[in-house]
């Protein structure tokens, strides 16, 4: 959904999925982990990108009990909206 200076109503707004080749997350970008097979406990966890090495990111997590770790770029999605507690 793209913000406009003069909103015309939700019924006219559209959302679209953008493939990973069309965006470049920058350091500090909030993300959510998904598709983690070796460390499934990280799926759904919110974090922040701190460093990039090729196709890997160092992620610091919102939950301070989770140690920072290296995550493949294919296993992160940019977090645009923080889910409500009832969505978790």
C-alpha atoms as a PDB file:
ATOM      1  CA  UNK A   1       0.000   0.000   0.000  1.00  0.00           C
ATOM      2  CA  UNK A   2       1.488   3.293  -1.046  1.00  0.00           C
ATOM      3  CA  UNK A   3       0.769   6.380   1.031  1.00  0.00           C
ATOM      4  CA  UNK A   4      -0.672   9.344  -0.821  1.00  0.00           C
ATOM      5  CA  UNK A   5      -1.034  12.979   0.123  1.00  0.00           C
ATOM      6  CA  UNK A   6      -4.776  12.744  -0.489  1.00  0.00           C
ATOM      7  CA  UNK A   7      -6.088   9.298   0.478  1.00  0.00           C
ATOM      8  CA  UNK A   8      -9.154   8.274  -1.502  1.00  0.00           C
ATOM      9  CA  UNK A   9     -10.256   5.329   0.610  1.00  0.00           C
ATOM     10  CA  UNK A  10      -9.134   1.807   1.390  1.00  0.00           C
ATOM     11  CA  UNK A  11     -11.364   0.307  -1.298  1.00  0.00           C
ATOM     12  CA  UNK A  12      -9.136   1.972  -3.940  1.00  0.00           C
ATOM     13  CA  UNK A  13      -5.780   1.098  -2.391  1.00  0.00           C
ATOM     14  CA  UNK A  14      -3.904  -1.947  -3.598  1.00  0.00           C
ATOM     15  CA  UNK A  15      -1.117  -4.003  -2.137  1.00  0.00           C
ATOM     16  CA  UNK A  16       1.343  -6.087  -4.052  1.00  0.00           C
ATOM     17  CA  UNK A  17       4.024  -8.625  -3.332  1.00  0.00           C
ATOM     18  CA  UNK A  18       7.518  -7.658  -4.382  1.00  0.00           C
ATOM     19  CA  UNK A  19      10.123 -10.327  -5.014  1.00  0.00           C
ATOM     20  CA  UNK A  20      13.435 -10.253  -3.150  1.00  0.00           C
ATOM     21  CA  UNK A  21      15.306  -9.128  -6.265  1.00  0.00           C
ATOM     22  CA  UNK A  22      13.435  -5.808  -6.147  1.00  0.00           C
ATOM     23  CA  UNK A  23      14.458  -4.625  -2.715  1.00  0.00           C
ATOM     24  CA  UNK A  24      17.682  -4.175  -0.838  1.00  0.00           C
ATOM     25  CA  UNK A  25      17.287  -4.074   2.926  1.00  0.00           C
ATOM     26  CA  UNK A  26      19.722  -1.724   4.597  1.00  0.00           C
ATOM     27  CA  UNK A  27      21.382  -2.082   7.966  1.00  0.00           C
ATOM     28  CA  UNK A  28      18.937  -1.305  10.742  1.00  0.00           C
ATOM     29  CA  UNK A  29      15.961  -2.665   8.779  1.00  0.00           C
ATOM     30  CA  UNK A  30      13.417  -4.465  11.001  1.00  0.00           C
ATOM     31  CA  UNK A  31      12.870  -8.045   9.827  1.00  0.00           C
ATOM     32  CA  UNK A  32      11.049 -11.232  10.737  1.00  0.00           C
ATOM     33  CA  UNK A  33      12.627 -14.662  10.271  1.00  0.00           C
ATOM     34  CA  UNK A  34      10.889 -17.433   8.348  1.00  0.00           C
ATOM     35  CA  UNK A  35      11.689 -20.770   6.734  1.00  0.00           C
ATOM     36  CA  UNK A  36      14.467 -21.531   9.190  1.00  0.00           C
ATOM     37  CA  UNK A  37      14.835 -25.322   9.057  1.00  0.00           C
ATOM     38  CA  UNK A  38      17.976 -25.777  11.171  1.00  0.00           C
ATOM     39  CA  UNK A  39      16.820 -23.293  13.832  1.00  0.00           C
ATOM     40  CA  UNK A  40      13.004 -23.385  13.675  1.00  0.00           C
ATOM     41  CA  UNK A  41      12.684 -21.625  17.045  1.00  0.00           C
ATOM     42  CA  UNK A  42      13.719 -18.415  15.217  1.00  0.00           C
ATOM     43  CA  UNK A  43      10.767 -18.542  12.799  1.00  0.00           C
ATOM     44  CA  UNK A  44       8.468 -15.601  13.498  1.00  0.00           C
ATOM     45  CA  UNK A  45      11.072 -13.806  15.621  1.00  0.00           C
ATOM     46  CA  UNK A  46      11.528 -10.079  15.062  1.00  0.00           C
ATOM     47  CA  UNK A  47      15.001  -8.649  14.687  1.00  0.00           C
ATOM     48  CA  UNK A  48      17.156  -5.984  13.089  1.00  0.00           C
ATOM     49  CA  UNK A  49      19.810  -6.310  10.404  1.00  0.00           C
ATOM     50  CA  UNK A  50      23.183  -5.219  11.729  1.00  0.00           C
ATOM     51  CA  UNK A  51      25.735  -6.467   9.188  1.00  0.00           C
ATOM     52  CA  UNK A  52      25.737  -8.095   5.765  1.00  0.00           C
ATOM     53  CA  UNK A  53      28.260 -10.564   4.395  1.00  0.00           C
ATOM     54  CA  UNK A  54      27.357 -11.639   0.845  1.00  0.00           C
ATOM     55  CA  UNK A  55      23.899 -13.267   1.096  1.00  0.00           C
ATOM     56  CA  UNK A  56      23.918 -13.519   4.911  1.00  0.00           C
ATOM     57  CA  UNK A  57      22.812 -11.033   7.554  1.00  0.00           C
ATOM     58  CA  UNK A  58      23.782 -10.680  11.177  1.00  0.00           C
ATOM     59  CA  UNK A  59      20.491 -10.279  13.030  1.00  0.00           C
ATOM     60  CA  UNK A  60      19.998  -8.881  16.529  1.00  0.00           C
ATOM     61  CA  UNK A  61      16.663  -9.972  17.942  1.00  0.00           C
ATOM     62  CA  UNK A  62      14.004  -7.989  19.769  1.00  0.00           C
ATOM     63  CA  UNK A  63      13.931 -10.744  22.403  1.00  0.00           C
ATOM     64  CA  UNK A  64      17.192 -10.151  24.273  1.00  0.00           C
ATOM     65  CA  UNK A  65      17.221 -13.803  25.407  1.00  0.00           C
ATOM     66  CA  UNK A  66      18.035 -14.783  21.809  1.00  0.00           C
ATOM     67  CA  UNK A  67      21.678 -14.382  20.874  1.00  0.00           C
ATOM     68  CA  UNK A  68      22.458 -12.489  17.648  1.00  0.00           C
ATOM     69  CA  UNK A  69      23.074 -14.871  14.766  1.00  0.00           C
ATOM     70  CA  UNK A  70      23.825 -15.082  11.060  1.00  0.00           C
ATOM     71  CA  UNK A  71      20.764 -15.668   8.853  1.00  0.00           C
ATOM     72  CA  UNK A  72      20.513 -16.280   5.111  1.00  0.00           C
ATOM     73  CA  UNK A  73      18.902 -13.431   3.189  1.00  0.00           C
ATOM     74  CA  UNK A  74      16.219 -15.822   1.900  1.00  0.00           C
ATOM     75  CA  UNK A  75      15.131 -16.392   5.517  1.00  0.00           C
ATOM     76  CA  UNK A  76      14.339 -12.770   6.346  1.00  0.00           C
ATOM     77  CA  UNK A  77      11.371 -10.648   5.369  1.00  0.00           C
ATOM     78  CA  UNK A  78      11.201  -6.917   5.902  1.00  0.00           C
ATOM     79  CA  UNK A  79       8.827  -6.149   8.753  1.00  0.00           C
ATOM     80  CA  UNK A  80       6.460  -3.377   7.715  1.00  0.00           C
ATOM     81  CA  UNK A  81       3.912  -3.800  10.485  1.00  0.00           C
ATOM     82  CA  UNK A  82       4.360  -5.272  13.944  1.00  0.00           C
ATOM     83  CA  UNK A  83       1.740  -7.999  14.514  1.00  0.00           C
ATOM     84  CA  UNK A  84      -0.821  -7.575  17.291  1.00  0.00           C
ATOM     85  CA  UNK A  85      -0.573  -9.990  20.217  1.00  0.00           C
ATOM     86  CA  UNK A  86      -3.684 -11.789  18.976  1.00  0.00           C
ATOM     87  CA  UNK A  87      -1.951 -12.472  15.616  1.00  0.00           C
ATOM     88  CA  UNK A  88       0.958 -14.321  17.249  1.00  0.00           C
END
